[in-house]
Amino acid sequence: MLAVLLLAAKFGVPVCPHAGGVGLCEYAQHISIFDYGAVGASLDGRVCEFVDHLHEHFVDPVRVDGGRYLVPTMPGCSVEIRSESLSESLSRTAPVGGKQPKRLRRRYGREARSIDCS
């Protein structure tokens, strides 16, 4: 994505990072901050998509104030999913009885399980 920003700046092409899926706003905020701080040094002509849903599932969710992304307060990419959300999601893929569908076991070669994010 950084290469896209740099090439777009070189040729005067505006960029609008897509942030319409789960965790994409959390990721796109970093792209926008880099674009402002290291590429454009201006907010003129800068836009970034924002969708206001599912942020509650992230350890360091995106924050917006006055239509602008706020700089994250924690280190990292801000896309770490809360362990509770991950456990809940994985439990929904398993039918009653605790075994996950064959397609998941075949795809990952083992039972998928929650990851300790602490």
N, C-alpha and C. Protein backbone atom coordinates (compact mmCIF):
# COMPACT_ATOMS: atom_id res chain seq x y z
N MET A 1 0.82 -1.19 0.00
CA MET A 1 0.00 0.00 0.00
C MET A 1 0.86 1.26 0.00
N LEU A 2 2.01 1.19 0.66
CA LEU A 2 2.89 2.36 0.68
C LEU A 2 3.39 2.70 -0.71
N ALA A 3 3.68 1.66 -1.50
CA ALA A 3 4.12 1.89 -2.88
C ALA A 3 3.02 2.60 -3.68
N VAL A 4 1.78 2.22 -3.45
CA VAL A 4 0.65 2.86 -4.14
C VAL A 4 0.58 4.33 -3.77
N LEU A 5 0.71 4.64 -2.48
CA LEU A 5 0.68 6.05 -2.04
C LEU A 5 1.80 6.86 -2.68
N LEU A 6 3.00 6.29 -2.69
CA LEU A 6 4.14 7.01 -3.25
C LEU A 6 4.01 7.22 -4.75
N LEU A 7 3.58 6.20 -5.47
CA LEU A 7 3.38 6.34 -6.92
C LEU A 7 2.26 7.33 -7.23
N ALA A 8 1.18 7.26 -6.47
CA ALA A 8 0.06 8.18 -6.68
C ALA A 8 0.51 9.62 -6.45
N ALA A 9 1.32 9.84 -5.41
CA ALA A 9 1.82 11.19 -5.14
C ALA A 9 2.71 11.68 -6.27
N LYS A 10 3.55 10.79 -6.78
CA LYS A 10 4.46 11.17 -7.88
C LYS A 10 3.70 11.65 -9.11
N PHE A 11 2.55 10.99 -9.38
CA PHE A 11 1.79 11.31 -10.59
C PHE A 11 0.55 12.16 -10.31
N GLY A 12 0.41 12.65 -9.07
CA GLY A 12 -0.70 13.54 -8.74
C GLY A 12 -2.06 12.88 -8.73
N VAL A 13 -2.12 11.60 -8.41
CA VAL A 13 -3.37 10.86 -8.40
C VAL A 13 -3.86 10.74 -6.95
N PRO A 14 -5.10 11.15 -6.68
CA PRO A 14 -5.60 11.02 -5.31
C PRO A 14 -5.85 9.55 -4.95
N VAL A 15 -5.71 9.23 -3.67
CA VAL A 15 -5.92 7.87 -3.17
C VAL A 15 -6.96 7.92 -2.06
N CYS A 16 -7.89 6.98 -2.09
CA CYS A 16 -8.87 6.83 -1.02
C CYS A 16 -8.82 5.38 -0.55
N PRO A 17 -8.11 5.10 0.56
CA PRO A 17 -8.03 3.72 1.04
C PRO A 17 -9.41 3.15 1.36
N HIS A 18 -9.65 1.94 0.89
CA HIS A 18 -10.92 1.25 1.15
C HIS A 18 -10.92 0.75 2.59
N ALA A 19 -11.95 1.06 3.33
CA ALA A 19 -12.02 0.65 4.73
C ALA A 19 -13.42 0.16 5.08
N GLY A 20 -14.04 -0.60 4.19
CA GLY A 20 -15.41 -1.01 4.40
C GLY A 20 -15.62 -2.39 4.96
N GLY A 21 -14.56 -3.08 5.37
CA GLY A 21 -14.71 -4.43 5.90
C GLY A 21 -14.22 -4.53 7.33
N VAL A 22 -14.34 -5.72 7.89
CA VAL A 22 -13.95 -5.95 9.28
C VAL A 22 -12.46 -5.66 9.47
N GLY A 23 -12.15 -4.68 10.28
CA GLY A 23 -10.77 -4.34 10.58
C GLY A 23 -10.10 -3.43 9.58
N LEU A 24 -10.75 -3.13 8.47
CA LEU A 24 -10.11 -2.29 7.46
C LEU A 24 -9.98 -0.84 7.92
N CYS A 25 -10.94 -0.35 8.69
CA CYS A 25 -10.80 1.02 9.22
C CYS A 25 -9.61 1.09 10.16
N GLU A 26 -9.46 0.04 10.98
CA GLU A 26 -8.34 0.00 11.92
C GLU A 26 -7.01 0.00 11.18
N TYR A 27 -6.96 -0.66 10.04
CA TYR A 27 -5.73 -0.70 9.24
C TYR A 27 -5.56 0.58 8.42
N ALA A 28 -6.64 1.04 7.81
CA ALA A 28 -6.56 2.19 6.91
C ALA A 28 -6.16 3.47 7.62
N GLN A 29 -6.43 3.56 8.92
CA GLN A 29 -6.04 4.77 9.65
C GLN A 29 -4.53 4.95 9.59
N HIS A 30 -3.78 3.87 9.64
CA HIS A 30 -2.32 3.96 9.58
C HIS A 30 -1.85 4.42 8.20
N ILE A 31 -2.52 3.94 7.17
CA ILE A 31 -2.19 4.34 5.80
C ILE A 31 -2.45 5.84 5.64
N SER A 32 -3.58 6.31 6.16
CA SER A 32 -3.91 7.73 6.05
C SER A 32 -2.94 8.60 6.84
N ILE A 33 -2.56 8.14 8.01
CA ILE A 33 -1.61 8.91 8.82
C ILE A 33 -0.25 8.98 8.13
N PHE A 34 0.19 7.86 7.54
CA PHE A 34 1.44 7.87 6.79
C PHE A 34 1.33 8.81 5.58
N ASP A 35 0.21 8.75 4.89
CA ASP A 35 -0.01 9.60 3.73
C ASP A 35 0.10 11.07 4.12
N TYR A 36 -0.51 11.43 5.22
CA TYR A 36 -0.45 12.83 5.69
C TYR A 36 0.95 13.20 6.17
N GLY A 37 1.54 12.36 7.00
CA GLY A 37 2.80 12.70 7.63
C GLY A 37 4.03 12.58 6.76
N ALA A 38 4.04 11.63 5.84
CA ALA A 38 5.26 11.37 5.08
C ALA A 38 5.13 11.63 3.58
N VAL A 39 3.92 11.74 3.07
CA VAL A 39 3.76 11.89 1.63
C VAL A 39 3.22 13.27 1.27
N GLY A 40 2.05 13.61 1.79
CA GLY A 40 1.40 14.84 1.37
C GLY A 40 1.65 16.05 2.24
N ALA A 41 1.84 15.83 3.54
CA ALA A 41 2.03 16.91 4.51
C ALA A 41 0.90 17.94 4.47
N SER A 42 -0.25 17.50 4.00
CA SER A 42 -1.42 18.37 3.92
C SER A 42 -2.66 17.50 3.93
N LEU A 43 -3.77 18.04 4.41
CA LEU A 43 -5.04 17.31 4.36
C LEU A 43 -5.84 17.64 3.10
N ASP A 44 -5.34 18.57 2.29
CA ASP A 44 -6.03 18.95 1.05
C ASP A 44 -6.12 17.74 0.11
N GLY A 45 -7.33 17.42 -0.29
CA GLY A 45 -7.55 16.34 -1.23
C GLY A 45 -7.36 14.95 -0.64
N ARG A 46 -7.20 14.85 0.66
CA ARG A 46 -7.01 13.55 1.31
C ARG A 46 -8.35 13.05 1.84
N VAL A 47 -8.69 11.81 1.51
CA VAL A 47 -9.90 11.17 2.02
C VAL A 47 -9.59 9.72 2.37
N CYS A 48 -10.39 9.18 3.27
CA CYS A 48 -10.29 7.77 3.64
C CYS A 48 -11.68 7.30 4.01
N GLU A 49 -12.06 6.17 3.49
CA GLU A 49 -13.38 5.61 3.77
C GLU A 49 -13.50 5.24 5.25
N PHE A 50 -14.71 5.28 5.78
CA PHE A 50 -14.97 4.89 7.16
C PHE A 50 -16.33 4.22 7.23
N VAL A 51 -16.40 3.08 7.91
CA VAL A 51 -17.65 2.38 8.16
C VAL A 51 -17.74 2.16 9.66
N ASP A 52 -18.83 2.59 10.25
CA ASP A 52 -18.95 2.55 11.72
C ASP A 52 -19.66 1.29 12.20
N HIS A 53 -18.96 0.16 12.13
CA HIS A 53 -19.50 -1.06 12.70
C HIS A 53 -18.37 -2.05 13.00
N LEU A 54 -18.60 -2.91 13.97
CA LEU A 54 -17.71 -4.00 14.38
C LEU A 54 -16.42 -3.55 15.05
N HIS A 55 -16.29 -2.28 15.40
CA HIS A 55 -15.07 -1.81 16.06
C HIS A 55 -14.93 -2.37 17.48
N GLU A 56 -16.06 -2.75 18.06
CA GLU A 56 -16.03 -3.28 19.43
C GLU A 56 -15.26 -4.60 19.54
N HIS A 57 -14.94 -5.21 18.42
CA HIS A 57 -14.23 -6.50 18.43
C HIS A 57 -12.71 -6.33 18.41
N PHE A 58 -12.22 -5.10 18.43
CA PHE A 58 -10.78 -4.86 18.36
C PHE A 58 -10.23 -4.31 19.66
N VAL A 59 -9.00 -4.71 19.97
CA VAL A 59 -8.33 -4.28 21.20
C VAL A 59 -8.14 -2.76 21.19
N ASP A 60 -7.72 -2.20 20.06
CA ASP A 60 -7.48 -0.76 19.93
C ASP A 60 -8.30 -0.25 18.74
N PRO A 61 -9.62 -0.09 18.94
CA PRO A 61 -10.48 0.28 17.81
C PRO A 61 -10.19 1.69 17.29
N VAL A 62 -10.54 1.87 16.02
CA VAL A 62 -10.38 3.17 15.38
C VAL A 62 -11.24 4.20 16.11
N ARG A 63 -10.74 5.43 16.15
CA ARG A 63 -11.49 6.54 16.76
C ARG A 63 -11.54 7.67 15.73
N VAL A 64 -12.70 8.29 15.64
CA VAL A 64 -12.90 9.39 14.70
C VAL A 64 -13.48 10.57 15.47
N ASP A 65 -12.98 11.76 15.18
CA ASP A 65 -13.49 12.97 15.81
C ASP A 65 -13.57 14.06 14.75
N GLY A 66 -14.75 14.62 14.60
CA GLY A 66 -14.93 15.68 13.61
C GLY A 66 -14.66 15.23 12.18
N GLY A 67 -14.95 13.97 11.90
CA GLY A 67 -14.76 13.45 10.55
C GLY A 67 -13.31 13.10 10.22
N ARG A 68 -12.44 13.05 11.22
CA ARG A 68 -11.03 12.73 11.00
C ARG A 68 -10.61 11.58 11.91
N TYR A 69 -9.80 10.70 11.34
CA TYR A 69 -9.23 9.61 12.14
C TYR A 69 -8.30 10.21 13.20
N LEU A 70 -8.34 9.67 14.40
CA LEU A 70 -7.41 10.06 15.45
C LEU A 70 -6.23 9.08 15.45
N VAL A 71 -5.08 9.57 15.82
CA VAL A 71 -3.89 8.72 15.88
C VAL A 71 -4.10 7.64 16.95
N PRO A 72 -3.80 6.37 16.63
CA PRO A 72 -3.96 5.31 17.63
C PRO A 72 -3.10 5.57 18.86
N THR A 73 -3.54 5.07 19.99
CA THR A 73 -2.82 5.29 21.24
C THR A 73 -1.92 4.12 21.62
N MET A 74 -2.10 2.97 20.97
CA MET A 74 -1.30 1.79 21.28
C MET A 74 -0.36 1.47 20.11
N PRO A 75 0.77 0.83 20.38
CA PRO A 75 1.66 0.42 19.28
C PRO A 75 1.03 -0.72 18.48
N GLY A 76 1.48 -0.88 17.26
CA GLY A 76 0.98 -1.97 16.42
C GLY A 76 0.08 -1.46 15.31
N CYS A 77 -0.56 -2.41 14.64
CA CYS A 77 -1.40 -2.10 13.48
C CYS A 77 -2.88 -1.91 13.83
N SER A 78 -3.23 -2.05 15.10
CA SER A 78 -4.61 -1.84 15.57
C SER A 78 -5.59 -2.87 15.05
N VAL A 79 -5.11 -3.99 14.54
CA VAL A 79 -6.02 -4.99 14.00
C VAL A 79 -6.10 -6.25 14.86
N GLU A 80 -5.64 -6.17 16.11
CA GLU A 80 -5.74 -7.32 17.00
C GLU A 80 -7.18 -7.49 17.46
N ILE A 81 -7.71 -8.67 17.23
CA ILE A 81 -9.09 -8.96 17.60
C ILE A 81 -9.13 -9.38 19.07
N ARG A 82 -10.11 -8.88 19.80
CA ARG A 82 -10.28 -9.25 21.21
C ARG A 82 -10.48 -10.75 21.32
N SER A 83 -9.86 -11.37 22.31
CA SER A 83 -9.94 -12.83 22.46
C SER A 83 -11.38 -13.29 22.65
N GLU A 84 -12.21 -12.49 23.34
CA GLU A 84 -13.61 -12.86 23.54
C GLU A 84 -14.36 -12.92 22.20
N SER A 85 -14.09 -11.97 21.34
CA SER A 85 -14.75 -11.94 20.02
C SER A 85 -14.30 -13.11 19.17
N LEU A 86 -13.01 -13.42 19.23
CA LEU A 86 -12.48 -14.54 18.46
C LEU A 86 -13.06 -15.85 18.95
N SER A 87 -13.13 -16.04 20.27
CA SER A 87 -13.70 -17.26 20.83
C SER A 87 -15.16 -17.42 20.44
N GLU A 88 -15.90 -16.31 20.51
CA GLU A 88 -17.32 -16.33 20.14
C GLU A 88 -17.49 -16.69 18.67
N SER A 89 -16.66 -16.11 17.82
CA SER A 89 -16.75 -16.39 16.39
C SER A 89 -16.41 -17.85 16.09
N LEU A 90 -15.37 -18.37 16.72
CA LEU A 90 -15.00 -19.76 16.49
C LEU A 90 -16.05 -20.72 17.00
N SER A 91 -16.69 -20.38 18.12
CA SER A 91 -17.72 -21.27 18.67
C SER A 91 -18.93 -21.32 17.74
N ARG A 92 -19.18 -20.25 16.99
CA ARG A 92 -20.31 -20.25 16.06
C ARG A 92 -20.04 -21.11 14.83
N THR A 93 -18.76 -21.40 14.53
CA THR A 93 -18.47 -22.24 13.37
C THR A 93 -18.58 -23.71 13.72
N ALA A 94 -18.64 -24.04 15.02
CA ALA A 94 -18.73 -25.43 15.44
C ALA A 94 -20.19 -25.79 15.73
N PRO A 95 -20.66 -26.89 15.19
CA PRO A 95 -22.03 -27.32 15.49
C PRO A 95 -22.10 -27.83 16.93
N VAL A 96 -23.31 -28.09 17.40
CA VAL A 96 -23.49 -28.63 18.75
C VAL A 96 -22.66 -29.91 18.85
N GLY A 97 -21.92 -30.03 19.91
CA GLY A 97 -21.04 -31.19 20.07
C GLY A 97 -19.58 -30.79 20.01
N GLY A 98 -19.31 -29.55 19.57
CA GLY A 98 -17.96 -29.02 19.64
C GLY A 98 -17.05 -29.33 18.47
N LYS A 99 -17.43 -30.18 17.53
CA LYS A 99 -16.57 -30.47 16.39
C LYS A 99 -16.84 -29.45 15.28
N GLN A 100 -15.80 -28.94 14.71
CA GLN A 100 -15.96 -27.99 13.62
C GLN A 100 -16.19 -28.74 12.31
N PRO A 101 -16.82 -28.08 11.36
CA PRO A 101 -17.08 -28.73 10.07
C PRO A 101 -15.79 -29.23 9.43
N LYS A 102 -15.90 -30.33 8.68
CA LYS A 102 -14.74 -30.92 8.01
C LYS A 102 -14.00 -29.92 7.14
N ARG A 103 -14.75 -29.03 6.48
CA ARG A 103 -14.10 -28.07 5.58
C ARG A 103 -13.12 -27.19 6.34
N LEU A 104 -13.43 -26.82 7.59
CA LEU A 104 -12.50 -26.02 8.39
C LEU A 104 -11.30 -26.85 8.83
N ARG A 105 -11.56 -28.08 9.28
CA ARG A 105 -10.45 -28.94 9.72
C ARG A 105 -9.54 -29.26 8.54
N ARG A 106 -10.14 -29.49 7.37
CA ARG A 106 -9.36 -29.81 6.18
C ARG A 106 -8.54 -28.59 5.74
N ARG A 107 -9.14 -27.42 5.81
CA ARG A 107 -8.46 -26.20 5.37
C ARG A 107 -7.25 -25.87 6.25
N TYR A 108 -7.41 -26.02 7.56
CA TYR A 108 -6.35 -25.63 8.48
C TYR A 108 -5.54 -26.81 9.00
N GLY A 109 -5.96 -28.04 8.67
CA GLY A 109 -5.20 -29.22 9.06
C GLY A 109 -5.34 -29.57 10.53
N ARG A 110 -6.19 -28.86 11.24
CA ARG A 110 -6.40 -29.12 12.67
C ARG A 110 -7.64 -28.37 13.10
N GLU A 111 -8.03 -28.61 14.33
CA GLU A 111 -9.13 -27.85 14.90
C GLU A 111 -8.71 -26.40 15.09
N ALA A 112 -9.48 -25.45 14.60
CA ALA A 112 -9.21 -24.04 14.87
C ALA A 112 -9.55 -23.78 16.33
N ARG A 113 -8.80 -22.93 16.96
CA ARG A 113 -9.08 -22.63 18.36
C ARG A 113 -8.78 -21.17 18.65
N SER A 114 -9.27 -20.74 19.79
CA SER A 114 -9.06 -19.36 20.19
C SER A 114 -7.58 -19.10 20.44
N ILE A 115 -7.16 -17.88 20.17
CA ILE A 115 -5.78 -17.48 20.40
C ILE A 115 -5.75 -16.57 21.61
N ASP A 116 -4.85 -16.83 22.54
CA ASP A 116 -4.71 -15.98 23.73
C ASP A 116 -4.02 -14.69 23.32
N CYS A 117 -4.74 -13.58 23.36
CA CYS A 117 -4.19 -12.29 22.92
C CYS A 117 -3.68 -11.45 24.09
N SER A 118 -3.64 -12.02 25.27
CA SER A 118 -3.19 -11.23 26.42
C SER A 118 -1.69 -11.16 26.51
